[in-house]
Amino acid sequence: MIFTQKTKDNELYVYMNGKLIYKRWLKTGQSKVFDLMAYDKYTEYSINENKK
């Protein structure tokens, strides 16, 4: 599985094998999971934001 992260303006996108599975709005902290099977509590991939 290949995970990629892209940040565009105020939004963080996480893709798995080219398919969007997670979106987060950075300013508000709200998020949306698009694929529950790919991103659940058993997922070995962790999404961490770089804090300044």
PDB file of N, CA and C in Angstrom:
ATOM      1  N   MET A   1       0.839  -1.177   0.000  1.00  0.00           N
ATOM      2  CA  MET A   1       0.000   0.000   0.000  1.00  0.00           C
ATOM      3  C   MET A   1       0.881   1.236   0.000  1.00  0.00           C
ATOM      4  N   ILE A   2       0.526   2.181  -0.824  1.00  0.00           N
ATOM      5  CA  ILE A   2       1.271   3.432  -0.911  1.00  0.00           C
ATOM      6  C   ILE A   2       0.371   4.562  -0.421  1.00  0.00           C
ATOM      7  N   PHE A   3       0.820   5.243   0.627  1.00  0.00           N
ATOM      8  CA  PHE A   3       0.102   6.391   1.170  1.00  0.00           C
ATOM      9  C   PHE A   3       0.815   7.659   0.744  1.00  0.00           C
ATOM     10  N   THR A   4       0.054   8.644   0.300  1.00  0.00           N
ATOM     11  CA  THR A   4       0.621   9.944  -0.034  1.00  0.00           C
ATOM     12  C   THR A   4      -0.216  11.026   0.628  1.00  0.00           C
ATOM     13  N   GLN A   5       0.460  12.096   1.039  1.00  0.00           N
ATOM     14  CA  GLN A   5      -0.198  13.247   1.653  1.00  0.00           C
ATOM     15  C   GLN A   5       0.030  14.453   0.765  1.00  0.00           C
ATOM     16  N   LYS A   6      -1.008  15.264   0.603  1.00  0.00           N
ATOM     17  CA  LYS A   6      -0.892  16.512  -0.134  1.00  0.00           C
ATOM     18  C   LYS A   6      -1.591  17.589   0.660  1.00  0.00           C
ATOM     19  N   THR A   7      -0.954  18.739   0.754  1.00  0.00           N
ATOM     20  CA  THR A   7      -1.550  19.884   1.431  1.00  0.00           C
ATOM     21  C   THR A   7      -1.815  20.952   0.386  1.00  0.00           C
ATOM     22  N   LYS A   8      -3.051  21.420   0.345  1.00  0.00           N
ATOM     23  CA  LYS A   8      -3.440  22.463  -0.598  1.00  0.00           C
ATOM     24  C   LYS A   8      -4.254  23.491   0.165  1.00  0.00           C
ATOM     25  N   ASP A   9      -3.743  24.715   0.209  1.00  0.00           N
ATOM     26  CA  ASP A   9      -4.372  25.798   0.958  1.00  0.00           C
ATOM     27  C   ASP A   9      -4.588  25.376   2.406  1.00  0.00           C
ATOM     28  N   ASN A  10      -5.813  25.215   2.833  1.00  0.00           N
ATOM     29  CA  ASN A  10      -6.161  24.901   4.217  1.00  0.00           C
ATOM     30  C   ASN A  10      -6.544  23.423   4.381  1.00  0.00           C
ATOM     31  N   GLU A  11      -6.252  22.592   3.385  1.00  0.00           N
ATOM     32  CA  GLU A  11      -6.750  21.230   3.403  1.00  0.00           C
ATOM     33  C   GLU A  11      -5.622  20.216   3.262  1.00  0.00           C
ATOM     34  N   LEU A  12      -5.730  19.139   4.030  1.00  0.00           N
ATOM     35  CA  LEU A  12      -4.787  18.022   3.966  1.00  0.00           C
ATOM     36  C   LEU A  12      -5.528  16.836   3.362  1.00  0.00           C
ATOM     37  N   TYR A  13      -4.954  16.258   2.315  1.00  0.00           N
ATOM     38  CA  TYR A  13      -5.535  15.100   1.645  1.00  0.00           C
ATOM     39  C   TYR A  13      -4.621  13.912   1.833  1.00  0.00           C
ATOM     40  N   VAL A  14      -5.184  12.744   2.122  1.00  0.00           N
ATOM     41  CA  VAL A  14      -4.411  11.511   2.231  1.00  0.00           C
ATOM     42  C   VAL A  14      -4.991  10.518   1.236  1.00  0.00           C
ATOM     43  N   TYR A  15      -4.098   9.994   0.403  1.00  0.00           N
ATOM     44  CA  TYR A  15      -4.488   9.043  -0.626  1.00  0.00           C
ATOM     45  C   TYR A  15      -3.844   7.697  -0.339  1.00  0.00           C
ATOM     46  N   MET A  16      -4.563   6.615  -0.643  1.00  0.00           N
ATOM     47  CA  MET A  16      -4.007   5.272  -0.576  1.00  0.00           C
ATOM     48  C   MET A  16      -4.129   4.671  -1.971  1.00  0.00           C
ATOM     49  N   ASN A  17      -2.982   4.366  -2.566  1.00  0.00           N
ATOM     50  CA  ASN A  17      -2.948   3.828  -3.928  1.00  0.00           C
ATOM     51  C   ASN A  17      -3.727   4.710  -4.905  1.00  0.00           C
ATOM     52  N   GLY A  18      -3.630   6.039  -4.745  1.00  0.00           N
ATOM     53  CA  GLY A  18      -4.280   6.980  -5.648  1.00  0.00           C
ATOM     54  C   GLY A  18      -5.732   7.281  -5.342  1.00  0.00           C
ATOM     55  N   LYS A  19      -6.308   6.657  -4.321  1.00  0.00           N
ATOM     56  CA  LYS A  19      -7.704   6.874  -3.959  1.00  0.00           C
ATOM     57  C   LYS A  19      -7.782   7.723  -2.692  1.00  0.00           C
ATOM     58  N   LEU A  20      -8.594   8.778  -2.715  1.00  0.00           N
ATOM     59  CA  LEU A  20      -8.754   9.655  -1.555  1.00  0.00           C
ATOM     60  C   LEU A  20      -9.445   8.897  -0.429  1.00  0.00           C
ATOM     61  N   ILE A  21      -8.777   8.851   0.736  1.00  0.00           N
ATOM     62  CA  ILE A  21      -9.379   8.157   1.878  1.00  0.00           C
ATOM     63  C   ILE A  21      -9.627   9.082   3.063  1.00  0.00           C
ATOM     64  N   TYR A  22      -8.972  10.269   3.102  1.00  0.00           N
ATOM     65  CA  TYR A  22      -9.073  11.127   4.286  1.00  0.00           C
ATOM     66  C   TYR A  22      -8.850  12.573   3.877  1.00  0.00           C
ATOM     67  N   LYS A  23      -9.627  13.480   4.447  1.00  0.00           N
ATOM     68  CA  LYS A  23      -9.464  14.917   4.216  1.00  0.00           C
ATOM     69  C   LYS A  23      -9.592  15.633   5.543  1.00  0.00           C
ATOM     70  N   ARG A  24      -8.730  16.625   5.776  1.00  0.00           N
ATOM     71  CA  ARG A  24      -8.778  17.393   7.016  1.00  0.00           C
ATOM     72  C   ARG A  24      -8.600  18.873   6.713  1.00  0.00           C
ATOM     73  N   TRP A  25      -9.430  19.688   7.341  1.00  0.00           N
ATOM     74  CA  TRP A  25      -9.303  21.126   7.244  1.00  0.00           C
ATOM     75  C   TRP A  25      -8.402  21.567   8.388  1.00  0.00           C
ATOM     76  N   LEU A  26      -7.268  22.160   8.060  1.00  0.00           N
ATOM     77  CA  LEU A  26      -6.234  22.436   9.049  1.00  0.00           C
ATOM     78  C   LEU A  26      -6.610  23.544  10.027  1.00  0.00           C
ATOM     79  N   LYS A  27      -7.284  24.566   9.576  1.00  0.00           N
ATOM     80  CA  LYS A  27      -7.623  25.686  10.465  1.00  0.00           C
ATOM     81  C   LYS A  27      -8.673  25.317  11.501  1.00  0.00           C
ATOM     82  N   THR A  28      -9.655  24.509  11.112  1.00  0.00           N
ATOM     83  CA  THR A  28     -10.744  24.166  12.036  1.00  0.00           C
ATOM     84  C   THR A  28     -10.527  22.833  12.736  1.00  0.00           C
ATOM     85  N   GLY A  29      -9.697  21.968  12.164  1.00  0.00           N
ATOM     86  CA  GLY A  29      -9.452  20.659  12.761  1.00  0.00           C
ATOM     87  C   GLY A  29     -10.497  19.615  12.408  1.00  0.00           C
ATOM     88  N   GLN A  30     -11.486  19.984  11.601  1.00  0.00           N
ATOM     89  CA  GLN A  30     -12.506  19.024  11.191  1.00  0.00           C
ATOM     90  C   GLN A  30     -11.922  18.077  10.153  1.00  0.00           C
ATOM     91  N   SER A  31     -12.459  16.862  10.114  1.00  0.00           N
ATOM     92  CA  SER A  31     -11.950  15.889   9.158  1.00  0.00           C
ATOM     93  C   SER A  31     -13.080  15.031   8.616  1.00  0.00           C
ATOM     94  N   LYS A  32     -12.801  14.372   7.503  1.00  0.00           N
ATOM     95  CA  LYS A  32     -13.765  13.495   6.853  1.00  0.00           C
ATOM     96  C   LYS A  32     -13.028  12.262   6.362  1.00  0.00           C
ATOM     97  N   VAL A  33     -13.528  11.088   6.736  1.00  0.00           N
ATOM     98  CA  VAL A  33     -12.966   9.822   6.273  1.00  0.00           C
ATOM     99  C   VAL A  33     -13.849   9.323   5.137  1.00  0.00           C
ATOM    100  N   PHE A  34     -13.231   9.071   3.982  1.00  0.00           N
ATOM    101  CA  PHE A  34     -13.980   8.643   2.809  1.00  0.00           C
ATOM    102  C   PHE A  34     -14.025   7.128   2.652  1.00  0.00           C
ATOM    103  N   ASP A  35     -13.058   6.419   3.198  1.00  0.00           N
ATOM    104  CA  ASP A  35     -13.014   4.968   3.057  1.00  0.00           C
ATOM    105  C   ASP A  35     -12.729   4.356   4.422  1.00  0.00           C
ATOM    106  N   LEU A  36     -13.760   3.886   5.097  1.00  0.00           N
ATOM    107  CA  LEU A  36     -13.617   3.357   6.452  1.00  0.00           C
ATOM    108  C   LEU A  36     -12.775   2.088   6.494  1.00  0.00           C
ATOM    109  N   MET A  37     -12.829   1.281   5.462  1.00  0.00           N
ATOM    110  CA  MET A  37     -12.053   0.044   5.438  1.00  0.00           C
ATOM    111  C   MET A  37     -10.555   0.340   5.332  1.00  0.00           C
ATOM    112  N   ALA A  38     -10.192   1.398   4.624  1.00  0.00           N
ATOM    113  CA  ALA A  38      -8.779   1.734   4.459  1.00  0.00           C
ATOM    114  C   ALA A  38      -8.225   2.486   5.663  1.00  0.00           C
ATOM    115  N   TYR A  39      -9.064   3.246   6.354  1.00  0.00           N
ATOM    116  CA  TYR A  39      -8.584   4.068   7.461  1.00  0.00           C
ATOM    117  C   TYR A  39      -9.443   3.795   8.686  1.00  0.00           C
ATOM    118  N   ASP A  40      -9.075   2.802   9.449  1.00  0.00           N
ATOM    119  CA  ASP A  40      -9.794   2.503  10.682  1.00  0.00           C
ATOM    120  C   ASP A  40      -8.791   2.365  11.825  1.00  0.00           C
ATOM    121  N   LYS A  41      -9.222   1.884  12.971  1.00  0.00           N
ATOM    122  CA  LYS A  41      -8.330   1.825  14.128  1.00  0.00           C
ATOM    123  C   LYS A  41      -7.213   0.810  13.963  1.00  0.00           C
ATOM    124  N   TYR A  42      -7.297  -0.071  12.982  1.00  0.00           N
ATOM    125  CA  TYR A  42      -6.255  -1.072  12.758  1.00  0.00           C
ATOM    126  C   TYR A  42      -5.244  -0.654  11.685  1.00  0.00           C
ATOM    127  N   THR A  43      -5.389   0.547  11.145  1.00  0.00           N
ATOM    128  CA  THR A  43      -4.479   1.029  10.113  1.00  0.00           C
ATOM    129  C   THR A  43      -3.104   1.278  10.722  1.00  0.00           C
ATOM    130  N   GLU A  44      -2.077   0.812  10.037  1.00  0.00           N
ATOM    131  CA  GLU A  44      -0.715   0.976  10.540  1.00  0.00           C
ATOM    132  C   GLU A  44      -0.131   2.337  10.198  1.00  0.00           C
ATOM    133  N   TYR A  45      -0.815   3.119   9.389  1.00  0.00           N
ATOM    134  CA  TYR A  45      -0.325   4.424   8.962  1.00  0.00           C
ATOM    135  C   TYR A  45      -0.904   5.497   9.869  1.00  0.00           C
ATOM    136  N   SER A  46      -0.079   6.390  10.336  1.00  0.00           N
ATOM    137  CA  SER A  46      -0.522   7.454  11.224  1.00  0.00           C
ATOM    138  C   SER A  46      -0.384   8.806  10.538  1.00  0.00           C
ATOM    139  N   ILE A  47      -1.381   9.639  10.664  1.00  0.00           N
ATOM    140  CA  ILE A  47      -1.352  10.984  10.064  1.00  0.00           C
ATOM    141  C   ILE A  47      -0.907  11.949  11.148  1.00  0.00           C
ATOM    142  N   ASN A  48       0.246  12.539  10.947  1.00  0.00           N
ATOM    143  CA  ASN A  48       0.783  13.506  11.892  1.00  0.00           C
ATOM    144  C   ASN A  48       1.004  14.822  11.187  1.00  0.00           C
ATOM    145  N   GLU A  49       0.634  15.903  11.844  1.00  0.00           N
ATOM    146  CA  GLU A  49       0.852  17.233  11.291  1.00  0.00           C
ATOM    147  C   GLU A  49       2.121  17.788  11.901  1.00  0.00           C
ATOM    148  N   ASN A  50       2.861  18.542  11.097  1.00  0.00           N
ATOM    149  CA  ASN A  50       4.057  19.200  11.622  1.00  0.00           C
ATOM    150  C   ASN A  50       3.634  20.458  12.358  1.00  0.00           C
ATOM    151  N   LYS A  51       3.907  20.504  13.634  1.00  0.00           N
ATOM    152  CA  LYS A  51       3.580  21.675  14.459  1.00  0.00           C
ATOM    153  C   LYS A  51       4.742  22.648  14.413  1.00  0.00           C
ATOM    154  N   LYS A  52       4.418  23.920  14.245  1.00  0.00           N
ATOM    155  CA  LYS A  52       5.464  24.947  14.198  1.00  0.00           C
ATOM    156  C   LYS A  52       5.578  25.627  15.540  1.00  0.00           C
TER     157      LYS A  52
END
